[in-house]
Amino acid sequence: TMNKVDCGDRSRAQWTHELDKLIVEIMCENMTHEKKTGGGFDETSWNKILCEFNNRANLNYDKE
């Protein structure tokens, strides 16, 4: 399960092994489909990856 830790005025995600695997899986799925800049994903691609991650993990995280 995903827990959040209070860090002052913000809460911070505690990543699990399962969430690590999920984000890597989604990134790999998008490697050939998305635009990359300088060897990395562009902002539009990161937004799609984040949206897919939130959908699959039933979370509501942002890039902050």
PDB file of N, CA and C in Angstrom:
ATOM      1  N   THR A   1       0.830  -1.190   0.000  1.00  0.00           N
ATOM      2  CA  THR A   1       0.000   0.000   0.000  1.00  0.00           C
ATOM      3  C   THR A   1       0.872   1.250   0.000  1.00  0.00           C
ATOM      4  N   MET A   2       0.296   2.334  -0.447  1.00  0.00           N
ATOM      5  CA  MET A   2       1.018   3.605  -0.537  1.00  0.00           C
ATOM      6  C   MET A   2       0.689   4.429   0.691  1.00  0.00           C
ATOM      7  N   ASN A   3       1.703   4.873   1.387  1.00  0.00           N
ATOM      8  CA  ASN A   3       1.529   5.747   2.536  1.00  0.00           C
ATOM      9  C   ASN A   3       2.163   7.085   2.237  1.00  0.00           C
ATOM     10  N   LYS A   4       1.627   8.123   2.858  1.00  0.00           N
ATOM     11  CA  LYS A   4       2.222   9.448   2.729  1.00  0.00           C
ATOM     12  C   LYS A   4       2.793   9.858   4.073  1.00  0.00           C
ATOM     13  N   VAL A   5       3.922  10.519   4.031  1.00  0.00           N
ATOM     14  CA  VAL A   5       4.593  10.983   5.233  1.00  0.00           C
ATOM     15  C   VAL A   5       4.487  12.492   5.276  1.00  0.00           C
ATOM     16  N   ASP A   6       4.132  13.037   6.427  1.00  0.00           N
ATOM     17  CA  ASP A   6       4.019  14.484   6.570  1.00  0.00           C
ATOM     18  C   ASP A   6       5.405  15.110   6.549  1.00  0.00           C
ATOM     19  N   CYS A   7       5.616  16.046   5.645  1.00  0.00           N
ATOM     20  CA  CYS A   7       6.889  16.767   5.523  1.00  0.00           C
ATOM     21  C   CYS A   7       6.605  18.256   5.607  1.00  0.00           C
ATOM     22  N   GLY A   8       6.140  18.700   6.725  1.00  0.00           N
ATOM     23  CA  GLY A   8       5.798  20.113   6.860  1.00  0.00           C
ATOM     24  C   GLY A   8       4.466  20.391   6.212  1.00  0.00           C
ATOM     25  N   ASP A   9       4.487  21.292   5.214  1.00  0.00           N
ATOM     26  CA  ASP A   9       3.231  21.676   4.577  1.00  0.00           C
ATOM     27  C   ASP A   9       2.858  20.763   3.414  1.00  0.00           C
ATOM     28  N   ARG A  10       3.653  19.760   3.105  1.00  0.00           N
ATOM     29  CA  ARG A  10       3.359  18.840   2.001  1.00  0.00           C
ATOM     30  C   ARG A  10       3.461  17.409   2.496  1.00  0.00           C
ATOM     31  N   SER A  11       2.770  16.518   1.839  1.00  0.00           N
ATOM     32  CA  SER A  11       2.971  15.105   2.130  1.00  0.00           C
ATOM     33  C   SER A  11       3.813  14.520   1.006  1.00  0.00           C
ATOM     34  N   ARG A  12       4.547  13.497   1.334  1.00  0.00           N
ATOM     35  CA  ARG A  12       5.491  12.912   0.390  1.00  0.00           C
ATOM     36  C   ARG A  12       5.182  11.428   0.251  1.00  0.00           C
ATOM     37  N   ALA A  13       5.229  10.939  -0.957  1.00  0.00           N
ATOM     38  CA  ALA A  13       4.918   9.538  -1.217  1.00  0.00           C
ATOM     39  C   ALA A  13       6.018   8.634  -0.691  1.00  0.00           C
ATOM     40  N   GLN A  14       5.621   7.481  -0.206  1.00  0.00           N
ATOM     41  CA  GLN A  14       6.563   6.425   0.129  1.00  0.00           C
ATOM     42  C   GLN A  14       6.447   5.385  -0.975  1.00  0.00           C
ATOM     43  N   TRP A  15       7.487   5.274  -1.785  1.00  0.00           N
ATOM     44  CA  TRP A  15       7.467   4.356  -2.916  1.00  0.00           C
ATOM     45  C   TRP A  15       7.675   2.930  -2.448  1.00  0.00           C
ATOM     46  N   THR A  16       6.915   2.040  -3.043  1.00  0.00           N
ATOM     47  CA  THR A  16       7.069   0.613  -2.784  1.00  0.00           C
ATOM     48  C   THR A  16       7.744  -0.024  -3.988  1.00  0.00           C
ATOM     49  N   HIS A  17       8.199  -1.242  -3.810  1.00  0.00           N
ATOM     50  CA  HIS A  17       8.804  -1.979  -4.919  1.00  0.00           C
ATOM     51  C   HIS A  17       7.798  -2.126  -6.067  1.00  0.00           C
ATOM     52  N   GLU A  18       6.541  -2.356  -5.728  1.00  0.00           N
ATOM     53  CA  GLU A  18       5.505  -2.523  -6.750  1.00  0.00           C
ATOM     54  C   GLU A  18       5.309  -1.240  -7.555  1.00  0.00           C
ATOM     55  N   LEU A  19       5.344  -0.082  -6.890  1.00  0.00           N
ATOM     56  CA  LEU A  19       5.198   1.187  -7.608  1.00  0.00           C
ATOM     57  C   LEU A  19       6.422   1.482  -8.463  1.00  0.00           C
ATOM     58  N   ASP A  20       7.604   1.115  -7.971  1.00  0.00           N
ATOM     59  CA  ASP A  20       8.814   1.247  -8.789  1.00  0.00           C
ATOM     60  C   ASP A  20       8.669   0.446 -10.076  1.00  0.00           C
ATOM     61  N   LYS A  21       8.234  -0.806  -9.938  1.00  0.00           N
ATOM     62  CA  LYS A  21       8.061  -1.668 -11.111  1.00  0.00           C
ATOM     63  C   LYS A  21       7.033  -1.085 -12.067  1.00  0.00           C
ATOM     64  N   LEU A  22       5.952  -0.547 -11.533  1.00  0.00           N
ATOM     65  CA  LEU A  22       4.891   0.009 -12.363  1.00  0.00           C
ATOM     66  C   LEU A  22       5.377   1.210 -13.166  1.00  0.00           C
ATOM     67  N   ILE A  23       6.072   2.151 -12.532  1.00  0.00           N
ATOM     68  CA  ILE A  23       6.515   3.341 -13.265  1.00  0.00           C
ATOM     69  C   ILE A  23       7.533   2.964 -14.334  1.00  0.00           C
ATOM     70  N   VAL A  24       8.416   2.014 -14.037  1.00  0.00           N
ATOM     71  CA  VAL A  24       9.394   1.569 -15.038  1.00  0.00           C
ATOM     72  C   VAL A  24       8.679   0.884 -16.196  1.00  0.00           C
ATOM     73  N   GLU A  25       7.695   0.062 -15.902  1.00  0.00           N
ATOM     74  CA  GLU A  25       6.920  -0.611 -16.945  1.00  0.00           C
ATOM     75  C   GLU A  25       6.243   0.408 -17.867  1.00  0.00           C
ATOM     76  N   ILE A  26       5.622   1.416 -17.296  1.00  0.00           N
ATOM     77  CA  ILE A  26       4.935   2.441 -18.088  1.00  0.00           C
ATOM     78  C   ILE A  26       5.936   3.231 -18.919  1.00  0.00           C
ATOM     79  N   MET A  27       7.080   3.561 -18.335  1.00  0.00           N
ATOM     80  CA  MET A  27       8.109   4.283 -19.086  1.00  0.00           C
ATOM     81  C   MET A  27       8.599   3.443 -20.263  1.00  0.00           C
ATOM     82  N   CYS A  28       8.821   2.153 -20.041  1.00  0.00           N
ATOM     83  CA  CYS A  28       9.272   1.272 -21.128  1.00  0.00           C
ATOM     84  C   CYS A  28       8.225   1.178 -22.230  1.00  0.00           C
ATOM     85  N   GLU A  29       6.959   1.102 -21.856  1.00  0.00           N
ATOM     86  CA  GLU A  29       5.882   1.055 -22.842  1.00  0.00           C
ATOM     87  C   GLU A  29       5.878   2.307 -23.707  1.00  0.00           C
ATOM     88  N   ASN A  30       6.303   3.419 -23.154  1.00  0.00           N
ATOM     89  CA  ASN A  30       6.269   4.692 -23.863  1.00  0.00           C
ATOM     90  C   ASN A  30       7.572   5.031 -24.572  1.00  0.00           C
ATOM     91  N   MET A  31       8.595   4.198 -24.414  1.00  0.00           N
ATOM     92  CA  MET A  31       9.904   4.482 -25.019  1.00  0.00           C
ATOM     93  C   MET A  31       9.820   4.665 -26.531  1.00  0.00           C
ATOM     94  N   THR A  32       9.101   3.810 -27.212  1.00  0.00           N
ATOM     95  CA  THR A  32       9.050   3.882 -28.668  1.00  0.00           C
ATOM     96  C   THR A  32       7.921   4.760 -29.175  1.00  0.00           C
ATOM     97  N   HIS A  33       6.954   5.056 -28.317  1.00  0.00           N
ATOM     98  CA  HIS A  33       5.783   5.804 -28.764  1.00  0.00           C
ATOM     99  C   HIS A  33       5.887   7.304 -28.538  1.00  0.00           C
ATOM    100  N   GLU A  34       6.725   7.709 -27.639  1.00  0.00           N
ATOM    101  CA  GLU A  34       6.734   9.109 -27.237  1.00  0.00           C
ATOM    102  C   GLU A  34       7.972   9.846 -27.727  1.00  0.00           C
ATOM    103  N   LYS A  35       7.814  11.152 -27.823  1.00  0.00           N
ATOM    104  CA  LYS A  35       8.929  12.020 -28.196  1.00  0.00           C
ATOM    105  C   LYS A  35       9.904  12.106 -27.034  1.00  0.00           C
ATOM    106  N   LYS A  36      11.175  12.043 -27.367  1.00  0.00           N
ATOM    107  CA  LYS A  36      12.204  12.163 -26.343  1.00  0.00           C
ATOM    108  C   LYS A  36      13.123  13.310 -26.720  1.00  0.00           C
ATOM    109  N   THR A  37      13.637  13.991 -25.725  1.00  0.00           N
ATOM    110  CA  THR A  37      14.570  15.085 -25.965  1.00  0.00           C
ATOM    111  C   THR A  37      15.862  14.772 -25.236  1.00  0.00           C
ATOM    112  N   GLY A  38      16.969  14.820 -25.938  1.00  0.00           N
ATOM    113  CA  GLY A  38      18.254  14.576 -25.296  1.00  0.00           C
ATOM    114  C   GLY A  38      18.330  13.243 -24.586  1.00  0.00           C
ATOM    115  N   GLY A  39      17.658  12.235 -25.103  1.00  0.00           N
ATOM    116  CA  GLY A  39      17.686  10.923 -24.483  1.00  0.00           C
ATOM    117  C   GLY A  39      16.624  10.716 -23.416  1.00  0.00           C
ATOM    118  N   GLY A  40      15.809  11.743 -23.138  1.00  0.00           N
ATOM    119  CA  GLY A  40      14.755  11.615 -22.135  1.00  0.00           C
ATOM    120  C   GLY A  40      13.406  11.971 -22.726  1.00  0.00           C
ATOM    121  N   PHE A  41      12.373  11.848 -21.938  1.00  0.00           N
ATOM    122  CA  PHE A  41      11.025  12.163 -22.386  1.00  0.00           C
ATOM    123  C   PHE A  41      10.792  13.667 -22.365  1.00  0.00           C
ATOM    124  N   ASP A  42       9.981  14.153 -23.313  1.00  0.00           N
ATOM    125  CA  ASP A  42       9.602  15.564 -23.267  1.00  0.00           C
ATOM    126  C   ASP A  42       8.467  15.738 -22.250  1.00  0.00           C
ATOM    127  N   GLU A  43       8.086  16.983 -21.985  1.00  0.00           N
ATOM    128  CA  GLU A  43       7.096  17.250 -20.939  1.00  0.00           C
ATOM    129  C   GLU A  43       5.745  16.613 -21.241  1.00  0.00           C
ATOM    130  N   THR A  44       5.332  16.630 -22.491  1.00  0.00           N
ATOM    131  CA  THR A  44       4.060  16.006 -22.862  1.00  0.00           C
ATOM    132  C   THR A  44       4.087  14.512 -22.563  1.00  0.00           C
ATOM    133  N   SER A  45       5.192  13.876 -22.887  1.00  0.00           N
ATOM    134  CA  SER A  45       5.331  12.443 -22.617  1.00  0.00           C
ATOM    135  C   SER A  45       5.296  12.157 -21.122  1.00  0.00           C
ATOM    136  N   TRP A  46       5.998  12.972 -20.323  1.00  0.00           N
ATOM    137  CA  TRP A  46       5.982  12.781 -18.871  1.00  0.00           C
ATOM    138  C   TRP A  46       4.574  12.930 -18.326  1.00  0.00           C
ATOM    139  N   ASN A  47       3.807  13.876 -18.850  1.00  0.00           N
ATOM    140  CA  ASN A  47       2.426  14.055 -18.395  1.00  0.00           C
ATOM    141  C   ASN A  47       1.591  12.818 -18.694  1.00  0.00           C
ATOM    142  N   LYS A  48       1.781  12.226 -19.876  1.00  0.00           N
ATOM    143  CA  LYS A  48       1.056  11.002 -20.222  1.00  0.00           C
ATOM    144  C   LYS A  48       1.471   9.847 -19.321  1.00  0.00           C
ATOM    145  N   ILE A  49       2.770   9.744 -19.045  1.00  0.00           N
ATOM    146  CA  ILE A  49       3.275   8.688 -18.165  1.00  0.00           C
ATOM    147  C   ILE A  49       2.689   8.851 -16.767  1.00  0.00           C
ATOM    148  N   LEU A  50       2.680  10.071 -16.255  1.00  0.00           N
ATOM    149  CA  LEU A  50       2.128  10.336 -14.929  1.00  0.00           C
ATOM    150  C   LEU A  50       0.644   9.991 -14.875  1.00  0.00           C
ATOM    151  N   CYS A  51      -0.087  10.377 -15.894  1.00  0.00           N
ATOM    152  CA  CYS A  51      -1.523  10.084 -15.946  1.00  0.00           C
ATOM    153  C   CYS A  51      -1.760   8.573 -15.943  1.00  0.00           C
ATOM    154  N   GLU A  52      -1.008   7.851 -16.745  1.00  0.00           N
ATOM    155  CA  GLU A  52      -1.141   6.391 -16.804  1.00  0.00           C
ATOM    156  C   GLU A  52      -0.763   5.760 -15.464  1.00  0.00           C
ATOM    157  N   PHE A  53       0.301   6.254 -14.842  1.00  0.00           N
ATOM    158  CA  PHE A  53       0.713   5.751 -13.528  1.00  0.00           C
ATOM    159  C   PHE A  53      -0.401   5.954 -12.506  1.00  0.00           C
ATOM    160  N   ASN A  54      -0.946   7.161 -12.449  1.00  0.00           N
ATOM    161  CA  ASN A  54      -2.023   7.445 -11.503  1.00  0.00           C
ATOM    162  C   ASN A  54      -3.231   6.556 -11.754  1.00  0.00           C
ATOM    163  N   ASN A  55      -3.575   6.337 -13.023  1.00  0.00           N
ATOM    164  CA  ASN A  55      -4.716   5.483 -13.349  1.00  0.00           C
ATOM    165  C   ASN A  55      -4.488   4.054 -12.885  1.00  0.00           C
ATOM    166  N   ARG A  56      -3.332   3.499 -13.197  1.00  0.00           N
ATOM    167  CA  ARG A  56      -3.054   2.097 -12.849  1.00  0.00           C
ATOM    168  C   ARG A  56      -2.854   1.894 -11.353  1.00  0.00           C
ATOM    169  N   ALA A  57      -2.275   2.875 -10.685  1.00  0.00           N
ATOM    170  CA  ALA A  57      -1.991   2.740  -9.251  1.00  0.00           C
ATOM    171  C   ALA A  57      -3.132   3.271  -8.386  1.00  0.00           C
ATOM    172  N   ASN A  58      -4.151   3.841  -9.032  1.00  0.00           N
ATOM    173  CA  ASN A  58      -5.276   4.443  -8.318  1.00  0.00           C
ATOM    174  C   ASN A  58      -4.792   5.518  -7.339  1.00  0.00           C
ATOM    175  N   LEU A  59      -3.905   6.378  -7.853  1.00  0.00           N
ATOM    176  CA  LEU A  59      -3.330   7.470  -7.070  1.00  0.00           C
ATOM    177  C   LEU A  59      -3.611   8.788  -7.768  1.00  0.00           C
ATOM    178  N   ASN A  60      -3.224   9.875  -7.131  1.00  0.00           N
ATOM    179  CA  ASN A  60      -3.414  11.197  -7.722  1.00  0.00           C
ATOM    180  C   ASN A  60      -2.178  12.047  -7.447  1.00  0.00           C
ATOM    181  N   TYR A  61      -1.040  11.606  -7.972  1.00  0.00           N
ATOM    182  CA  TYR A  61       0.216  12.321  -7.748  1.00  0.00           C
ATOM    183  C   TYR A  61       0.485  13.300  -8.871  1.00  0.00           C
ATOM    184  N   ASP A  62       1.291  14.317  -8.550  1.00  0.00           N
ATOM    185  CA  ASP A  62       1.741  15.258  -9.566  1.00  0.00           C
ATOM    186  C   ASP A  62       3.262  15.189  -9.632  1.00  0.00           C
ATOM    187  N   LYS A  63       3.854  16.048 -10.440  1.00  0.00           N
ATOM    188  CA  LYS A  63       5.302  15.990 -10.646  1.00  0.00           C
ATOM    189  C   LYS A  63       6.085  16.750  -9.589  1.00  0.00           C
ATOM    190  N   GLU A  64       5.429  17.352  -8.654  1.00  0.00           N
ATOM    191  CA  GLU A  64       6.124  18.133  -7.615  1.00  0.00           C
ATOM    192  C   GLU A  64       6.834  17.252  -6.634  1.00  0.00           C
TER     193      GLU A  64
END
